[in-house]
Amino acid sequence: MNNPPHHWLDALTDGQWVRDWTSLNANLVFGIFYWTALSVVFGLGISLAIVIIGIPLVLLAFHGARSLAALDHQVTAALLNRAPRIIEEDLDMAGSGLLGRLGMVLRSARTWRSLIYLALKLPLGALTASVAWTLLPFMAFEALILGPLTINTGMVTFRLLHALAVFAHEGSALLLPERQQRPSREKAKHDVRIERLEVIDDEEDAEPPGRYVLTDDGEIEFKKRY
């Protein structure tokens, strides 16, 4: 995870500002694509709901929204070189029919949170892209003119750009449900088996009660007591 640079040479060469600036503009580009694609699929699905083909289109649109939201978060996190959230998968549709799958999707909180995430992408992108283009000439002035003149500004415009990119990414990610890390059932069974083996080994290694006696041949022998 990179931090914004303090020196003008670092600002020009580490590539962090390129990732930050690209992510802020990508919000607008992706937002336009999401609105267009989902509007077309939802519109067709609802208009054709009177026939059978409309319901699969609506189901496709809901699943597409869930997948696009998770994919968008992963791409933006990789672009900013940050650790992504682990998005919870809360549906198990194996063996379910068409209407049953549609009902599960509609009852899932992740579906609606993903739709809100994608819907906010366009207005958020318009704002972040405007700020990114506004900061660009000031960043060039700070890095290409003030920096070589040894005027220390702390690369404030680069730091501001980075803060905005991180805030836009992390703020919108709060809408996506993060999976709680729980030990898997297989791992728990494996741990129980290991514990039982350890107990058995301890029992086998433990010496049963008894005493040492002197035999008629003059040898010492251990007599177990059961």
C-alpha atoms as a PDB file:
ATOM      1  CA  MET A   1       0.000   0.000   0.000  1.00  0.00           C
ATOM      2  CA  ASN A   2       1.681   3.188  -1.217  1.00  0.00           C
ATOM      3  CA  ASN A   3       1.706   6.578   0.475  1.00  0.00           C
ATOM      4  CA  PRO A   4       1.683   9.892  -1.398  1.00  0.00           C
ATOM      5  CA  PRO A   5       5.185  11.275  -2.098  1.00  0.00           C
ATOM      6  CA  HIS A   6       6.809  14.210  -0.300  1.00  0.00           C
ATOM      7  CA  HIS A   7       9.530  14.927  -2.873  1.00  0.00           C
ATOM      8  CA  TRP A   8       8.868  16.179  -6.381  1.00  0.00           C
ATOM      9  CA  LEU A   9      11.064  13.510  -8.012  1.00  0.00           C
ATOM     10  CA  ASP A  10       9.158  10.779  -6.199  1.00  0.00           C
ATOM     11  CA  ALA A  11       5.894  12.347  -7.300  1.00  0.00           C
ATOM     12  CA  LEU A  12       6.971  12.172 -10.925  1.00  0.00           C
ATOM     13  CA  THR A  13       8.399   8.665 -10.929  1.00  0.00           C
ATOM     14  CA  ASP A  14       6.552   6.425  -8.457  1.00  0.00           C
ATOM     15  CA  GLY A  15       3.347   6.290 -10.517  1.00  0.00           C
ATOM     16  CA  GLN A  16       1.035   6.761  -7.541  1.00  0.00           C
ATOM     17  CA  TRP A  17      -0.501   9.956  -8.909  1.00  0.00           C
ATOM     18  CA  VAL A  18      -1.229   8.188 -12.210  1.00  0.00           C
ATOM     19  CA  ARG A  19      -3.185   5.467 -10.395  1.00  0.00           C
ATOM     20  CA  ASP A  20      -5.018   8.015  -8.249  1.00  0.00           C
ATOM     21  CA  TRP A  21      -5.887  10.258 -11.192  1.00  0.00           C
ATOM     22  CA  THR A  22      -6.969   7.309 -13.343  1.00  0.00           C
ATOM     23  CA  SER A  23      -9.216   5.888 -10.629  1.00  0.00           C
ATOM     24  CA  LEU A  24     -10.985   9.214 -10.177  1.00  0.00           C
ATOM     25  CA  ASN A  25     -11.736   9.444 -13.895  1.00  0.00           C
ATOM     26  CA  ALA A  26     -12.597   5.757 -14.135  1.00  0.00           C
ATOM     27  CA  ASN A  27     -15.454   6.341 -11.709  1.00  0.00           C
ATOM     28  CA  LEU A  28     -17.180   8.481 -14.318  1.00  0.00           C
ATOM     29  CA  VAL A  29     -16.493   6.104 -17.221  1.00  0.00           C
ATOM     30  CA  PHE A  30     -17.646   3.040 -15.292  1.00  0.00           C
ATOM     31  CA  GLY A  31     -20.652   4.912 -13.931  1.00  0.00           C
ATOM     32  CA  ILE A  32     -21.866   5.736 -17.444  1.00  0.00           C
ATOM     33  CA  PHE A  33     -21.403   2.109 -18.492  1.00  0.00           C
ATOM     34  CA  TYR A  34     -23.273   0.735 -15.457  1.00  0.00           C
ATOM     35  CA  TRP A  35     -26.214   3.074 -15.887  1.00  0.00           C
ATOM     36  CA  THR A  36     -26.457   2.295 -19.613  1.00  0.00           C
ATOM     37  CA  ALA A  37     -26.114  -1.485 -19.346  1.00  0.00           C
ATOM     38  CA  LEU A  38     -28.433  -1.957 -16.375  1.00  0.00           C
ATOM     39  CA  SER A  39     -31.044   0.430 -17.752  1.00  0.00           C
ATOM     40  CA  VAL A  40     -31.184  -1.503 -21.022  1.00  0.00           C
ATOM     41  CA  VAL A  41     -31.406  -4.939 -19.378  1.00  0.00           C
ATOM     42  CA  PHE A  42     -33.881  -3.875 -16.683  1.00  0.00           C
ATOM     43  CA  GLY A  43     -35.979  -2.017 -19.252  1.00  0.00           C
ATOM     44  CA  LEU A  44     -36.167  -5.020 -21.553  1.00  0.00           C
ATOM     45  CA  GLY A  45     -36.868  -7.376 -18.685  1.00  0.00           C
ATOM     46  CA  ILE A  46     -39.696  -5.319 -17.224  1.00  0.00           C
ATOM     47  CA  SER A  47     -41.242  -4.595 -20.626  1.00  0.00           C
ATOM     48  CA  LEU A  48     -41.135  -8.300 -21.510  1.00  0.00           C
ATOM     49  CA  ALA A  49     -42.306  -9.489 -18.095  1.00  0.00           C
ATOM     50  CA  ILE A  50     -45.657 -10.432 -19.601  1.00  0.00           C
ATOM     51  CA  VAL A  51     -43.885 -13.181 -21.500  1.00  0.00           C
ATOM     52  CA  ILE A  52     -41.504 -15.781 -20.121  1.00  0.00           C
ATOM     53  CA  ILE A  53     -38.304 -14.199 -21.439  1.00  0.00           C
ATOM     54  CA  GLY A  54     -38.763 -11.088 -19.278  1.00  0.00           C
ATOM     55  CA  ILE A  55     -38.212 -12.856 -15.939  1.00  0.00           C
ATOM     56  CA  PRO A  56     -34.800 -14.325 -16.899  1.00  0.00           C
ATOM     57  CA  LEU A  57     -33.719 -10.866 -18.095  1.00  0.00           C
ATOM     58  CA  VAL A  58     -34.667  -9.314 -14.756  1.00  0.00           C
ATOM     59  CA  LEU A  59     -32.823 -12.100 -12.936  1.00  0.00           C
ATOM     60  CA  LEU A  60     -29.816 -11.498 -15.198  1.00  0.00           C
ATOM     61  CA  ALA A  61     -29.899  -7.787 -14.410  1.00  0.00           C
ATOM     62  CA  PHE A  62     -29.925  -8.367 -10.655  1.00  0.00           C
ATOM     63  CA  HIS A  63     -27.095 -10.887 -10.836  1.00  0.00           C
ATOM     64  CA  GLY A  64     -25.188  -8.594 -13.162  1.00  0.00           C
ATOM     65  CA  ALA A  65     -25.479  -5.771 -10.645  1.00  0.00           C
ATOM     66  CA  ARG A  66     -24.122  -7.976  -7.863  1.00  0.00           C
ATOM     67  CA  SER A  67     -21.192  -9.141  -9.979  1.00  0.00           C
ATOM     68  CA  LEU A  68     -20.400  -5.695 -11.390  1.00  0.00           C
ATOM     69  CA  ALA A  69     -20.317  -4.096  -7.935  1.00  0.00           C
ATOM     70  CA  ALA A  70     -17.883  -6.712  -6.624  1.00  0.00           C
ATOM     71  CA  LEU A  71     -15.756  -6.525  -9.784  1.00  0.00           C
ATOM     72  CA  ASP A  72     -15.664  -2.725  -9.704  1.00  0.00           C
ATOM     73  CA  HIS A  73     -14.460  -2.762  -6.115  1.00  0.00           C
ATOM     74  CA  GLN A  74     -11.739  -5.310  -6.928  1.00  0.00           C
ATOM     75  CA  VAL A  75     -10.513  -3.341  -9.955  1.00  0.00           C
ATOM     76  CA  THR A  76     -10.420  -0.019  -8.106  1.00  0.00           C
ATOM     77  CA  ALA A  77      -8.610  -1.595  -5.153  1.00  0.00           C
ATOM     78  CA  ALA A  78      -5.997  -3.089  -7.485  1.00  0.00           C
ATOM     79  CA  LEU A  79      -5.628   0.249  -9.270  1.00  0.00           C
ATOM     80  CA  LEU A  80      -4.993   2.050  -5.992  1.00  0.00           C
ATOM     81  CA  ASN A  81      -2.813  -0.797  -4.672  1.00  0.00           C
ATOM     82  CA  ARG A  82      -5.061  -1.352  -1.664  1.00  0.00           C
ATOM     83  CA  ALA A  83      -6.418  -4.510  -0.077  1.00  0.00           C
ATOM     84  CA  PRO A  84      -9.978  -5.186  -1.305  1.00  0.00           C
ATOM     85  CA  ARG A  85     -12.895  -6.176   0.873  1.00  0.00           C
ATOM     86  CA  ILE A  86     -13.964  -9.816   0.778  1.00  0.00           C
ATOM     87  CA  ILE A  87     -17.527  -9.573  -0.497  1.00  0.00           C
ATOM     88  CA  GLU A  88     -19.984 -11.956   1.119  1.00  0.00           C
ATOM     89  CA  GLU A  89     -21.746 -14.489  -1.109  1.00  0.00           C
ATOM     90  CA  ASP A  90     -25.082 -15.053   0.597  1.00  0.00           C
ATOM     91  CA  LEU A  91     -27.015 -17.068  -1.994  1.00  0.00           C
ATOM     92  CA  ASP A  92     -27.061 -20.801  -2.689  1.00  0.00           C
ATOM     93  CA  MET A  93     -29.331 -21.354  -5.681  1.00  0.00           C
ATOM     94  CA  ALA A  94     -28.414 -24.921  -6.521  1.00  0.00           C
ATOM     95  CA  GLY A  95     -31.537 -26.826  -7.533  1.00  0.00           C
ATOM     96  CA  SER A  96     -33.852 -23.791  -7.360  1.00  0.00           C
ATOM     97  CA  GLY A  97     -36.306 -22.858 -10.087  1.00  0.00           C
ATOM     98  CA  LEU A  98     -36.585 -19.559 -11.937  1.00  0.00           C
ATOM     99  CA  LEU A  99     -39.050 -17.901  -9.587  1.00  0.00           C
ATOM    100  CA  GLY A 100     -37.269 -19.298  -6.547  1.00  0.00           C
ATOM    101  CA  ARG A 101     -33.968 -17.814  -7.699  1.00  0.00           C
ATOM    102  CA  LEU A 102     -35.628 -14.473  -8.410  1.00  0.00           C
ATOM    103  CA  GLY A 103     -37.163 -14.461  -4.946  1.00  0.00           C
ATOM    104  CA  MET A 104     -33.808 -15.173  -3.273  1.00  0.00           C
ATOM    105  CA  VAL A 105     -32.145 -12.390  -5.237  1.00  0.00           C
ATOM    106  CA  LEU A 106     -34.869  -9.909  -4.304  1.00  0.00           C
ATOM    107  CA  ARG A 107     -34.639 -10.819  -0.619  1.00  0.00           C
ATOM    108  CA  SER A 108     -30.863 -10.474  -0.513  1.00  0.00           C
ATOM    109  CA  ALA A 109     -29.540  -7.281   1.039  1.00  0.00           C
ATOM    110  CA  ARG A 110     -26.415  -7.531  -1.086  1.00  0.00           C
ATOM    111  CA  THR A 111     -28.513  -7.148  -4.254  1.00  0.00           C
ATOM    112  CA  TRP A 112     -29.931  -3.785  -3.230  1.00  0.00           C
ATOM    113  CA  ARG A 113     -26.670  -2.556  -1.762  1.00  0.00           C
ATOM    114  CA  SER A 114     -24.923  -3.441  -5.008  1.00  0.00           C
ATOM    115  CA  LEU A 115     -27.540  -1.524  -7.001  1.00  0.00           C
ATOM    116  CA  ILE A 116     -27.055   1.537  -4.784  1.00  0.00           C
ATOM    117  CA  TYR A 117     -23.284   1.192  -5.169  1.00  0.00           C
ATOM    118  CA  LEU A 118     -23.575   1.195  -8.962  1.00  0.00           C
ATOM    119  CA  ALA A 119     -26.186   3.958  -9.025  1.00  0.00           C
ATOM    120  CA  LEU A 120     -23.923   6.286  -7.023  1.00  0.00           C
ATOM    121  CA  LYS A 121     -20.989   5.594  -9.332  1.00  0.00           C
ATOM    122  CA  LEU A 122     -22.127   8.114 -11.962  1.00  0.00           C
ATOM    123  CA  PRO A 123     -22.662  11.178  -9.739  1.00  0.00           C
ATOM    124  CA  LEU A 124     -19.588  10.293  -7.695  1.00  0.00           C
ATOM    125  CA  GLY A 125     -17.578   9.894 -10.880  1.00  0.00           C
ATOM    126  CA  ALA A 126     -18.723  13.251 -12.216  1.00  0.00           C
ATOM    127  CA  LEU A 127     -17.529  14.903  -9.006  1.00  0.00           C
ATOM    128  CA  THR A 128     -14.211  13.078  -8.715  1.00  0.00           C
ATOM    129  CA  ALA A 129     -13.356  13.511 -12.403  1.00  0.00           C
ATOM    130  CA  SER A 130     -14.005  17.256 -12.157  1.00  0.00           C
ATOM    131  CA  VAL A 131     -11.710  17.564  -9.153  1.00  0.00           C
ATOM    132  CA  ALA A 132      -9.029  15.422 -10.821  1.00  0.00           C
ATOM    133  CA  TRP A 133      -8.940  17.622 -13.923  1.00  0.00           C
ATOM    134  CA  THR A 134      -8.979  20.757 -11.776  1.00  0.00           C
ATOM    135  CA  LEU A 135      -5.969  19.566  -9.760  1.00  0.00           C
ATOM    136  CA  LEU A 136      -3.958  18.520 -12.805  1.00  0.00           C
ATOM    137  CA  PRO A 137      -2.478  21.981 -13.722  1.00  0.00           C
ATOM    138  CA  PHE A 138      -1.676  22.707 -10.079  1.00  0.00           C
ATOM    139  CA  MET A 139       0.100  19.355  -9.797  1.00  0.00           C
ATOM    140  CA  ALA A 140       2.132  20.139 -12.908  1.00  0.00           C
ATOM    141  CA  PHE A 141       3.067  23.567 -11.510  1.00  0.00           C
ATOM    142  CA  GLU A 142       4.094  22.080  -8.182  1.00  0.00           C
ATOM    143  CA  ALA A 143       6.131  19.178  -9.599  1.00  0.00           C
ATOM    144  CA  LEU A 144       7.637  20.742 -12.734  1.00  0.00           C
ATOM    145  CA  ILE A 145       8.293  24.318 -11.621  1.00  0.00           C
ATOM    146  CA  LEU A 146       8.334  24.634  -7.834  1.00  0.00           C
ATOM    147  CA  GLY A 147      10.061  21.275  -7.319  1.00  0.00           C
ATOM    148  CA  PRO A 148      13.124  21.936  -9.515  1.00  0.00           C
ATOM    149  CA  LEU A 149      13.412  25.388  -7.906  1.00  0.00           C
ATOM    150  CA  THR A 150      13.797  23.570  -4.539  1.00  0.00           C
ATOM    151  CA  ILE A 151      10.653  25.199  -3.188  1.00  0.00           C
ATOM    152  CA  ASN A 152       9.345  22.657  -0.697  1.00  0.00           C
ATOM    153  CA  THR A 153       5.557  22.450  -0.823  1.00  0.00           C
ATOM    154  CA  GLY A 154       5.225  18.932   0.559  1.00  0.00           C
ATOM    155  CA  MET A 155       3.546  17.871  -2.695  1.00  0.00           C
ATOM    156  CA  VAL A 156       0.235  19.043  -1.278  1.00  0.00           C
ATOM    157  CA  THR A 157      -1.687  18.649  -4.538  1.00  0.00           C
ATOM    158  CA  PHE A 158      -0.478  15.071  -4.987  1.00  0.00           C
ATOM    159  CA  ARG A 159      -1.426  14.264  -1.418  1.00  0.00           C
ATOM    160  CA  LEU A 160      -4.848  15.818  -1.923  1.00  0.00           C
ATOM    161  CA  LEU A 161      -5.391  13.764  -5.066  1.00  0.00           C
ATOM    162  CA  HIS A 162      -4.419  10.580  -3.236  1.00  0.00           C
ATOM    163  CA  ALA A 163      -6.698  11.355  -0.293  1.00  0.00           C
ATOM    164  CA  LEU A 164      -9.633  11.968  -2.627  1.00  0.00           C
ATOM    165  CA  ALA A 165      -9.033   8.708  -4.509  1.00  0.00           C
ATOM    166  CA  VAL A 166      -8.829   6.684  -1.304  1.00  0.00           C
ATOM    167  CA  PHE A 167     -11.902   8.394   0.178  1.00  0.00           C
ATOM    168  CA  ALA A 168     -13.978   7.735  -2.942  1.00  0.00           C
ATOM    169  CA  HIS A 169     -12.921   4.092  -3.003  1.00  0.00           C
ATOM    170  CA  GLU A 170     -13.273   3.310   0.698  1.00  0.00           C
ATOM    171  CA  GLY A 171     -16.448   5.354   1.135  1.00  0.00           C
ATOM    172  CA  SER A 172     -18.338   3.606  -1.646  1.00  0.00           C
ATOM    173  CA  ALA A 173     -17.029   0.202  -0.486  1.00  0.00           C
ATOM    174  CA  LEU A 174     -18.961   0.604   2.775  1.00  0.00           C
ATOM    175  CA  LEU A 175     -22.101  -0.229   0.802  1.00  0.00           C
ATOM    176  CA  LEU A 176     -20.819  -3.714   0.020  1.00  0.00           C
ATOM    177  CA  PRO A 177     -21.238  -6.357   2.752  1.00  0.00           C
ATOM    178  CA  GLU A 178     -17.932  -7.759   3.914  1.00  0.00           C
ATOM    179  CA  ARG A 179     -17.738 -11.447   4.756  1.00  0.00           C
ATOM    180  CA  GLN A 180     -17.038 -12.294   8.363  1.00  0.00           C
ATOM    181  CA  GLN A 181     -14.046 -14.582   8.658  1.00  0.00           C
ATOM    182  CA  ARG A 182     -15.182 -17.821  10.272  1.00  0.00           C
ATOM    183  CA  PRO A 183     -13.317 -21.122  10.545  1.00  0.00           C
ATOM    184  CA  SER A 184     -14.670 -23.555   7.980  1.00  0.00           C
ATOM    185  CA  ARG A 185     -16.511 -26.684   9.018  1.00  0.00           C
ATOM    186  CA  GLU A 186     -13.819 -28.859   7.454  1.00  0.00           C
ATOM    187  CA  LYS A 187     -11.097 -27.044   9.397  1.00  0.00           C
ATOM    188  CA  ALA A 188     -13.035 -27.476  12.653  1.00  0.00           C
ATOM    189  CA  LYS A 189     -13.410 -31.211  12.029  1.00  0.00           C
ATOM    190  CA  HIS A 190      -9.718 -31.438  11.201  1.00  0.00           C
ATOM    191  CA  ASP A 191      -8.812 -29.726  14.477  1.00  0.00           C
ATOM    192  CA  VAL A 192     -11.075 -32.102  16.424  1.00  0.00           C
ATOM    193  CA  ARG A 193      -9.443 -35.115  14.781  1.00  0.00           C
ATOM    194  CA  ILE A 194      -5.986 -33.808  15.649  1.00  0.00           C
ATOM    195  CA  GLU A 195      -7.040 -33.215  19.244  1.00  0.00           C
ATOM    196  CA  ARG A 196      -8.470 -36.739  19.531  1.00  0.00           C
ATOM    197  CA  LEU A 197      -5.277 -38.221  18.091  1.00  0.00           C
ATOM    198  CA  GLU A 198      -3.235 -36.289  20.629  1.00  0.00           C
ATOM    199  CA  VAL A 199      -5.404 -37.633  23.445  1.00  0.00           C
ATOM    200  CA  ILE A 200      -5.040 -41.205  22.150  1.00  0.00           C
ATOM    201  CA  ASP A 201      -1.275 -40.807  21.865  1.00  0.00           C
ATOM    202  CA  ASP A 202      -1.119 -39.532  25.417  1.00  0.00           C
ATOM    203  CA  GLU A 203      -3.141 -42.504  26.626  1.00  0.00           C
ATOM    204  CA  GLU A 204      -0.886 -44.950  24.776  1.00  0.00           C
ATOM    205  CA  ASP A 205       2.251 -43.309  26.105  1.00  0.00           C
ATOM    206  CA  ALA A 206       0.986 -43.263  29.663  1.00  0.00           C
ATOM    207  CA  GLU A 207       2.374 -46.144  31.702  1.00  0.00           C
ATOM    208  CA  PRO A 208      -0.336 -48.220  33.447  1.00  0.00           C
ATOM    209  CA  PRO A 209      -0.145 -48.496  37.222  1.00  0.00           C
ATOM    210  CA  GLY A 210       1.915 -51.316  38.647  1.00  0.00           C
ATOM    211  CA  ARG A 211       4.987 -52.165  40.726  1.00  0.00           C
ATOM    212  CA  TYR A 212       8.449 -53.700  40.424  1.00  0.00           C
ATOM    213  CA  VAL A 213       8.917 -57.112  42.069  1.00  0.00           C
ATOM    214  CA  LEU A 214      11.851 -59.464  42.547  1.00  0.00           C
ATOM    215  CA  THR A 215      11.306 -62.807  40.807  1.00  0.00           C
ATOM    216  CA  ASP A 216      12.543 -66.201  42.004  1.00  0.00           C
ATOM    217  CA  ASP A 217      15.346 -65.981  39.441  1.00  0.00           C
ATOM    218  CA  GLY A 218      16.633 -62.832  41.092  1.00  0.00           C
ATOM    219  CA  GLU A 219      15.478 -60.519  38.292  1.00  0.00           C
ATOM    220  CA  ILE A 220      13.484 -57.337  38.700  1.00  0.00           C
ATOM    221  CA  GLU A 221      10.201 -57.425  36.786  1.00  0.00           C
ATOM    222  CA  PHE A 222       7.442 -54.820  36.384  1.00  0.00           C
ATOM    223  CA  LYS A 223       4.021 -56.221  37.267  1.00  0.00           C
ATOM    224  CA  LYS A 224       1.102 -54.323  35.758  1.00  0.00           C
ATOM    225  CA  ARG A 225      -1.960 -53.845  37.923  1.00  0.00           C
ATOM    226  CA  TYR A 226      -5.240 -53.939  35.962  1.00  0.00           C
END
